[in-house]
Amino acid sequence: MKGEKMGIQDKIARAKETNWLTDGLSKAEMKSIVELAQISSKIERRRIEMGMTQKEFAVYMGVSQGMVSKWESRDYNFTIKSLNEICSKIDLTFTPVLNNKIITEKFSLIKNDSKMYIPKISVNNLTSENRRNCIA
């Protein structure tokens, strides 16, 4: 094999696994990168569905072609206001979803009479005000 040129398939097959792309990034940073890419691609896809070039889309949106390019770059940091304005003009719905992170250590499961499992909050992990509300 010495002296032979390796094809792309051989190179891929022999490639070592690496995390160089994500090394040093927090989970929040990685999540932001993915979400920005999803938003950008949705806007770009909608522009293409509308049959417009970036320049035509820019005129339609009332911005420069450079701004459309930034939106589609997968790196533009949108504001909620700008996303709502963009989505309203291109018939998309922007619905941010915020959920409480469930920490399973704070819950235990109990069985009730109908044999269903329901979560029971461990009172030790609550503030005194929340504890009073649960007991009341």
N, C-alpha and C. Protein backbone atom coordinates (compact mmCIF):
# COMPACT_ATOMS: atom_id res chain seq x y z
N MET A 1 0.82 -1.19 0.00
CA MET A 1 0.00 0.00 0.00
C MET A 1 0.87 1.26 0.00
N LYS A 2 2.13 1.09 0.32
CA LYS A 2 3.05 2.23 0.34
C LYS A 2 3.21 2.75 -1.08
N GLY A 3 3.09 4.07 -1.21
CA GLY A 3 3.23 4.68 -2.51
C GLY A 3 1.93 4.76 -3.30
N GLU A 4 0.90 4.01 -2.87
CA GLU A 4 -0.40 4.06 -3.54
C GLU A 4 -1.19 5.26 -3.05
N LYS A 5 -1.96 5.82 -3.97
CA LYS A 5 -2.83 6.92 -3.58
C LYS A 5 -4.10 6.33 -2.98
N MET A 6 -4.49 6.88 -1.84
CA MET A 6 -5.70 6.43 -1.17
C MET A 6 -6.90 7.22 -1.70
N GLY A 7 -7.97 6.52 -2.03
CA GLY A 7 -9.19 7.17 -2.47
C GLY A 7 -9.94 7.76 -1.28
N ILE A 8 -10.92 8.59 -1.58
CA ILE A 8 -11.69 9.25 -0.52
C ILE A 8 -12.40 8.23 0.38
N GLN A 9 -12.93 7.17 -0.22
CA GLN A 9 -13.61 6.14 0.56
C GLN A 9 -12.65 5.47 1.54
N ASP A 10 -11.42 5.21 1.10
CA ASP A 10 -10.41 4.61 1.99
C ASP A 10 -10.05 5.56 3.12
N LYS A 11 -9.92 6.85 2.78
CA LYS A 11 -9.60 7.85 3.79
C LYS A 11 -10.70 7.93 4.84
N ILE A 12 -11.94 7.92 4.38
CA ILE A 12 -13.08 7.98 5.31
C ILE A 12 -13.11 6.73 6.19
N ALA A 13 -12.88 5.57 5.58
CA ALA A 13 -12.91 4.31 6.33
C ALA A 13 -11.81 4.26 7.40
N ARG A 14 -10.70 4.89 7.14
CA ARG A 14 -9.57 4.87 8.08
C ARG A 14 -9.49 6.09 8.99
N ALA A 15 -10.43 7.00 8.84
CA ALA A 15 -10.40 8.23 9.64
C ALA A 15 -10.61 7.92 11.12
N LYS A 16 -9.91 8.63 11.96
CA LYS A 16 -10.06 8.48 13.40
C LYS A 16 -11.19 9.38 13.88
N GLU A 17 -11.92 8.91 14.88
CA GLU A 17 -12.99 9.71 15.46
C GLU A 17 -12.38 10.87 16.23
N THR A 18 -12.99 12.04 16.09
CA THR A 18 -12.47 13.22 16.76
C THR A 18 -13.60 14.14 17.19
N ASN A 19 -13.34 14.93 18.19
CA ASN A 19 -14.29 15.93 18.66
C ASN A 19 -13.75 17.34 18.45
N TRP A 20 -12.78 17.52 17.56
CA TRP A 20 -12.13 18.81 17.39
C TRP A 20 -13.12 19.93 17.08
N LEU A 21 -14.21 19.59 16.41
CA LEU A 21 -15.18 20.62 16.03
C LEU A 21 -15.93 21.17 17.25
N THR A 22 -16.17 20.31 18.22
CA THR A 22 -16.95 20.73 19.39
C THR A 22 -16.12 20.91 20.64
N ASP A 23 -14.84 20.59 20.59
CA ASP A 23 -13.99 20.78 21.77
C ASP A 23 -14.03 22.24 22.22
N GLY A 24 -14.24 22.44 23.49
CA GLY A 24 -14.25 23.79 24.05
C GLY A 24 -15.60 24.48 23.98
N LEU A 25 -16.60 23.83 23.37
CA LEU A 25 -17.94 24.43 23.32
C LEU A 25 -18.82 23.83 24.41
N SER A 26 -19.56 24.70 25.08
CA SER A 26 -20.49 24.21 26.10
C SER A 26 -21.72 23.64 25.40
N LYS A 27 -22.55 22.92 26.15
CA LYS A 27 -23.80 22.39 25.60
C LYS A 27 -24.69 23.53 25.12
N ALA A 28 -24.71 24.63 25.85
CA ALA A 28 -25.53 25.79 25.48
C ALA A 28 -25.05 26.38 24.16
N GLU A 29 -23.73 26.47 23.98
CA GLU A 29 -23.19 27.00 22.72
C GLU A 29 -23.53 26.09 21.54
N MET A 30 -23.40 24.79 21.75
CA MET A 30 -23.73 23.84 20.68
C MET A 30 -25.21 23.91 20.33
N LYS A 31 -26.05 24.03 21.35
CA LYS A 31 -27.50 24.14 21.13
C LYS A 31 -27.81 25.41 20.35
N SER A 32 -27.16 26.52 20.69
CA SER A 32 -27.37 27.78 19.97
C SER A 32 -26.96 27.67 18.51
N ILE A 33 -25.84 27.03 18.25
CA ILE A 33 -25.36 26.86 16.88
C ILE A 33 -26.39 26.08 16.06
N VAL A 34 -26.88 25.00 16.62
CA VAL A 34 -27.86 24.16 15.92
C VAL A 34 -29.16 24.93 15.68
N GLU A 35 -29.64 25.64 16.70
CA GLU A 35 -30.90 26.37 16.56
C GLU A 35 -30.78 27.52 15.56
N LEU A 36 -29.66 28.25 15.57
CA LEU A 36 -29.46 29.32 14.59
C LEU A 36 -29.42 28.75 13.17
N ALA A 37 -28.78 27.60 13.01
CA ALA A 37 -28.73 26.96 11.69
C ALA A 37 -30.12 26.54 11.23
N GLN A 38 -30.93 26.02 12.15
CA GLN A 38 -32.29 25.62 11.80
C GLN A 38 -33.14 26.81 11.38
N ILE A 39 -33.03 27.90 12.12
CA ILE A 39 -33.79 29.12 11.80
C ILE A 39 -33.35 29.66 10.44
N SER A 40 -32.05 29.77 10.24
CA SER A 40 -31.52 30.29 8.98
C SER A 40 -31.96 29.45 7.79
N SER A 41 -31.88 28.14 7.95
CA SER A 41 -32.25 27.27 6.84
C SER A 41 -33.74 27.34 6.54
N LYS A 42 -34.56 27.54 7.57
CA LYS A 42 -36.01 27.68 7.37
C LYS A 42 -36.32 28.95 6.57
N ILE A 43 -35.64 30.05 6.90
CA ILE A 43 -35.83 31.31 6.17
C ILE A 43 -35.35 31.14 4.72
N GLU A 44 -34.19 30.53 4.54
CA GLU A 44 -33.67 30.32 3.19
C GLU A 44 -34.60 29.43 2.37
N ARG A 45 -35.06 28.35 2.99
CA ARG A 45 -35.98 27.43 2.31
C ARG A 45 -37.26 28.16 1.88
N ARG A 46 -37.77 29.02 2.77
CA ARG A 46 -39.00 29.76 2.46
C ARG A 46 -38.76 30.73 1.30
N ARG A 47 -37.59 31.39 1.29
CA ARG A 47 -37.24 32.29 0.19
C ARG A 47 -37.23 31.54 -1.14
N ILE A 48 -36.62 30.37 -1.13
CA ILE A 48 -36.53 29.55 -2.34
C ILE A 48 -37.92 29.08 -2.77
N GLU A 49 -38.75 28.67 -1.80
CA GLU A 49 -40.13 28.27 -2.11
C GLU A 49 -40.90 29.42 -2.75
N MET A 50 -40.59 30.64 -2.34
CA MET A 50 -41.24 31.83 -2.89
C MET A 50 -40.67 32.19 -4.26
N GLY A 51 -39.65 31.47 -4.70
CA GLY A 51 -39.06 31.68 -6.03
C GLY A 51 -38.26 32.95 -6.15
N MET A 52 -37.63 33.37 -5.06
CA MET A 52 -36.90 34.64 -5.07
C MET A 52 -35.40 34.42 -4.90
N THR A 53 -34.63 35.30 -5.55
CA THR A 53 -33.20 35.38 -5.29
C THR A 53 -33.03 36.15 -3.98
N GLN A 54 -31.82 36.16 -3.45
CA GLN A 54 -31.57 36.95 -2.24
C GLN A 54 -31.88 38.42 -2.49
N LYS A 55 -31.53 38.90 -3.66
CA LYS A 55 -31.75 40.31 -3.98
C LYS A 55 -33.25 40.62 -4.03
N GLU A 56 -34.04 39.77 -4.67
CA GLU A 56 -35.49 39.97 -4.75
C GLU A 56 -36.13 39.86 -3.36
N PHE A 57 -35.65 38.90 -2.60
CA PHE A 57 -36.17 38.69 -1.25
C PHE A 57 -35.86 39.92 -0.38
N ALA A 58 -34.68 40.48 -0.55
CA ALA A 58 -34.28 41.67 0.21
C ALA A 58 -35.24 42.83 -0.07
N VAL A 59 -35.58 43.03 -1.33
CA VAL A 59 -36.53 44.08 -1.70
C VAL A 59 -37.87 43.80 -1.05
N TYR A 60 -38.33 42.55 -1.14
CA TYR A 60 -39.61 42.15 -0.55
C TYR A 60 -39.63 42.39 0.97
N MET A 61 -38.50 42.09 1.62
CA MET A 61 -38.42 42.21 3.08
C MET A 61 -38.08 43.63 3.53
N GLY A 62 -37.63 44.48 2.62
CA GLY A 62 -37.27 45.84 2.98
C GLY A 62 -35.92 45.95 3.66
N VAL A 63 -35.00 45.05 3.29
CA VAL A 63 -33.64 45.05 3.85
C VAL A 63 -32.65 44.95 2.70
N SER A 64 -31.37 45.01 3.02
CA SER A 64 -30.34 44.86 1.98
C SER A 64 -30.12 43.39 1.66
N GLN A 65 -29.55 43.13 0.49
CA GLN A 65 -29.21 41.75 0.12
C GLN A 65 -28.18 41.19 1.09
N GLY A 66 -27.31 42.07 1.58
CA GLY A 66 -26.31 41.65 2.57
C GLY A 66 -26.94 41.14 3.85
N MET A 67 -28.05 41.77 4.26
CA MET A 67 -28.75 41.32 5.47
C MET A 67 -29.37 39.94 5.24
N VAL A 68 -29.95 39.73 4.07
CA VAL A 68 -30.52 38.41 3.75
C VAL A 68 -29.41 37.36 3.79
N SER A 69 -28.26 37.71 3.25
CA SER A 69 -27.12 36.80 3.28
C SER A 69 -26.72 36.47 4.72
N LYS A 70 -26.73 37.48 5.59
CA LYS A 70 -26.42 37.24 7.01
C LYS A 70 -27.46 36.33 7.64
N TRP A 71 -28.76 36.56 7.35
CA TRP A 71 -29.82 35.70 7.89
C TRP A 71 -29.59 34.24 7.51
N GLU A 72 -29.14 34.04 6.28
CA GLU A 72 -28.97 32.68 5.76
C GLU A 72 -27.61 32.09 6.07
N SER A 73 -26.76 32.82 6.78
CA SER A 73 -25.38 32.39 7.03
C SER A 73 -25.26 31.29 8.09
N ARG A 74 -26.33 31.00 8.79
CA ARG A 74 -26.35 30.02 9.90
C ARG A 74 -25.61 30.54 11.13
N ASP A 75 -25.27 31.83 11.12
CA ASP A 75 -24.49 32.39 12.22
C ASP A 75 -25.07 33.71 12.72
N TYR A 76 -26.11 34.22 12.07
CA TYR A 76 -26.68 35.50 12.46
C TYR A 76 -27.46 35.35 13.76
N ASN A 77 -27.24 36.23 14.71
CA ASN A 77 -27.90 36.15 16.02
C ASN A 77 -29.18 36.99 15.99
N PHE A 78 -30.28 36.35 15.64
CA PHE A 78 -31.57 37.02 15.53
C PHE A 78 -32.07 37.50 16.90
N THR A 79 -32.87 38.55 16.87
CA THR A 79 -33.61 38.93 18.08
C THR A 79 -35.01 38.37 17.93
N ILE A 80 -35.72 38.28 19.02
CA ILE A 80 -37.10 37.80 18.96
C ILE A 80 -37.94 38.74 18.08
N LYS A 81 -37.69 40.03 18.22
CA LYS A 81 -38.41 41.02 17.42
C LYS A 81 -38.16 40.80 15.93
N SER A 82 -36.89 40.63 15.54
CA SER A 82 -36.59 40.45 14.12
C SER A 82 -37.18 39.15 13.59
N LEU A 83 -37.15 38.09 14.39
CA LEU A 83 -37.74 36.82 13.96
C LEU A 83 -39.25 36.95 13.75
N ASN A 84 -39.91 37.65 14.66
CA ASN A 84 -41.35 37.85 14.50
C ASN A 84 -41.66 38.67 13.25
N GLU A 85 -40.85 39.69 12.98
CA GLU A 85 -41.06 40.52 11.79
C GLU A 85 -40.82 39.72 10.51
N ILE A 86 -39.75 38.95 10.49
CA ILE A 86 -39.43 38.12 9.32
C ILE A 86 -40.54 37.10 9.09
N CYS A 87 -40.89 36.39 10.13
CA CYS A 87 -41.90 35.32 10.00
C CYS A 87 -43.26 35.86 9.57
N SER A 88 -43.64 37.03 10.05
CA SER A 88 -44.95 37.57 9.67
C SER A 88 -44.99 37.90 8.18
N LYS A 89 -43.85 38.28 7.60
CA LYS A 89 -43.81 38.63 6.17
C LYS A 89 -43.74 37.40 5.26
N ILE A 90 -43.29 36.27 5.79
CA ILE A 90 -43.11 35.09 4.93
C ILE A 90 -44.01 33.92 5.34
N ASP A 91 -45.07 34.25 6.08
CA ASP A 91 -46.07 33.25 6.48
C ASP A 91 -45.50 32.07 7.25
N LEU A 92 -44.62 32.37 8.18
CA LEU A 92 -44.13 31.37 9.12
C LEU A 92 -44.57 31.79 10.52
N THR A 93 -44.62 30.86 11.41
CA THR A 93 -44.96 31.15 12.80
C THR A 93 -43.72 30.96 13.65
N PHE A 94 -43.38 31.97 14.41
CA PHE A 94 -42.27 31.85 15.35
C PHE A 94 -42.86 31.65 16.74
N THR A 95 -42.58 30.51 17.33
CA THR A 95 -43.13 30.18 18.64
C THR A 95 -42.00 29.70 19.55
N PRO A 96 -41.40 30.61 20.32
CA PRO A 96 -40.36 30.15 21.25
C PRO A 96 -40.99 29.32 22.36
N VAL A 97 -40.32 28.28 22.75
CA VAL A 97 -40.82 27.40 23.80
C VAL A 97 -39.81 27.37 24.94
N LEU A 98 -40.27 27.74 26.09
CA LEU A 98 -39.42 27.65 27.28
C LEU A 98 -40.05 26.64 28.22
N ASN A 99 -39.29 25.65 28.60
CA ASN A 99 -39.78 24.63 29.51
C ASN A 99 -38.87 24.58 30.73
N ASN A 100 -39.46 24.27 31.85
CA ASN A 100 -38.64 24.06 33.04
C ASN A 100 -37.87 22.77 32.86
N LYS A 101 -36.64 22.79 33.23
CA LYS A 101 -35.83 21.60 33.18
C LYS A 101 -36.25 20.72 34.35
N ILE A 102 -36.62 19.51 34.08
CA ILE A 102 -37.05 18.60 35.14
C ILE A 102 -35.82 17.89 35.69
N ILE A 103 -35.61 18.08 36.96
CA ILE A 103 -34.50 17.41 37.64
C ILE A 103 -35.08 16.20 38.35
N THR A 104 -34.77 15.03 37.84
CA THR A 104 -35.43 13.82 38.32
C THR A 104 -35.15 13.51 39.78
N GLU A 105 -34.05 14.01 40.31
CA GLU A 105 -33.75 13.73 41.71
C GLU A 105 -34.76 14.39 42.65
N LYS A 106 -35.51 15.39 42.15
CA LYS A 106 -36.46 16.10 42.99
C LYS A 106 -37.83 15.42 43.01
N PHE A 107 -37.98 14.34 42.29
CA PHE A 107 -39.27 13.67 42.20
C PHE A 107 -39.16 12.22 42.60
N SER A 108 -40.24 11.69 43.12
CA SER A 108 -40.35 10.26 43.33
C SER A 108 -41.71 9.85 42.78
N LEU A 109 -41.86 8.60 42.44
CA LEU A 109 -43.13 8.14 41.87
C LEU A 109 -43.93 7.43 42.94
N ILE A 110 -45.22 7.66 42.93
CA ILE A 110 -46.12 6.96 43.85
C ILE A 110 -47.25 6.37 43.05
N LYS A 111 -47.90 5.38 43.59
CA LYS A 111 -49.02 4.74 42.93
C LYS A 111 -50.29 5.21 43.61
N ASN A 112 -51.28 5.57 42.81
CA ASN A 112 -52.55 5.93 43.42
C ASN A 112 -53.55 4.80 43.23
N ASP A 113 -54.79 5.00 43.65
CA ASP A 113 -55.79 3.94 43.62
C ASP A 113 -56.07 3.39 42.22
N SER A 114 -55.94 4.24 41.19
CA SER A 114 -56.26 3.78 39.84
C SER A 114 -55.05 3.12 39.16
N LYS A 115 -54.05 2.81 39.92
CA LYS A 115 -52.84 2.12 39.46
C LYS A 115 -51.99 2.96 38.50
N MET A 116 -52.22 4.27 38.46
CA MET A 116 -51.41 5.15 37.63
C MET A 116 -50.29 5.74 38.47
N TYR A 117 -49.16 6.00 37.84
CA TYR A 117 -48.06 6.62 38.53
C TYR A 117 -48.14 8.12 38.35
N ILE A 118 -47.97 8.84 39.42
CA ILE A 118 -47.98 10.30 39.35
C ILE A 118 -46.74 10.82 40.07
N PRO A 119 -46.21 11.93 39.61
CA PRO A 119 -45.02 12.45 40.29
C PRO A 119 -45.37 13.09 41.62
N LYS A 120 -44.51 12.90 42.57
CA LYS A 120 -44.67 13.54 43.87
C LYS A 120 -43.41 14.35 44.13
N ILE A 121 -43.58 15.61 44.40
CA ILE A 121 -42.43 16.49 44.64
C ILE A 121 -41.85 16.19 46.01
N SER A 122 -40.55 16.06 46.05
CA SER A 122 -39.87 15.91 47.32
C SER A 122 -39.85 17.27 48.01
N VAL A 123 -40.51 17.38 49.12
CA VAL A 123 -40.68 18.65 49.81
C VAL A 123 -39.34 19.21 50.28
N ASN A 124 -38.35 18.38 50.46
CA ASN A 124 -37.04 18.84 50.93
C ASN A 124 -36.35 19.77 49.93
N ASN A 125 -36.72 19.68 48.65
CA ASN A 125 -36.07 20.49 47.63
C ASN A 125 -36.83 21.77 47.31
N LEU A 126 -37.86 22.09 48.05
CA LEU A 126 -38.66 23.28 47.79
C LEU A 126 -38.30 24.41 48.73
N THR A 127 -38.57 25.63 48.29
CA THR A 127 -38.40 26.77 49.17
C THR A 127 -39.49 26.71 50.22
N SER A 128 -39.33 27.43 51.32
CA SER A 128 -40.33 27.38 52.39
C SER A 128 -41.70 27.85 51.90
N GLU A 129 -41.74 28.86 51.00
CA GLU A 129 -43.02 29.34 50.49
C GLU A 129 -43.69 28.28 49.63
N ASN A 130 -42.94 27.64 48.74
CA ASN A 130 -43.51 26.58 47.90
C ASN A 130 -43.92 25.38 48.74
N ARG A 131 -43.16 25.10 49.80
CA ARG A 131 -43.49 23.98 50.68
C ARG A 131 -44.85 24.22 51.33
N ARG A 132 -45.09 25.48 51.79
CA ARG A 132 -46.39 25.82 52.40
C ARG A 132 -47.52 25.63 51.39
N ASN A 133 -47.29 26.02 50.12
CA ASN A 133 -48.32 25.88 49.10
C ASN A 133 -48.64 24.42 48.79
N CYS A 134 -47.65 23.56 48.84
CA CYS A 134 -47.87 22.14 48.57
C CYS A 134 -48.63 21.48 49.71
N ILE A 135 -48.32 21.87 50.92
CA ILE A 135 -48.94 21.25 52.09
C ILE A 135 -50.36 21.75 52.26
N ALA A 136 -50.62 23.00 51.90
CA ALA A 136 -51.96 23.60 52.09
C ALA A 136 -53.00 22.94 51.22
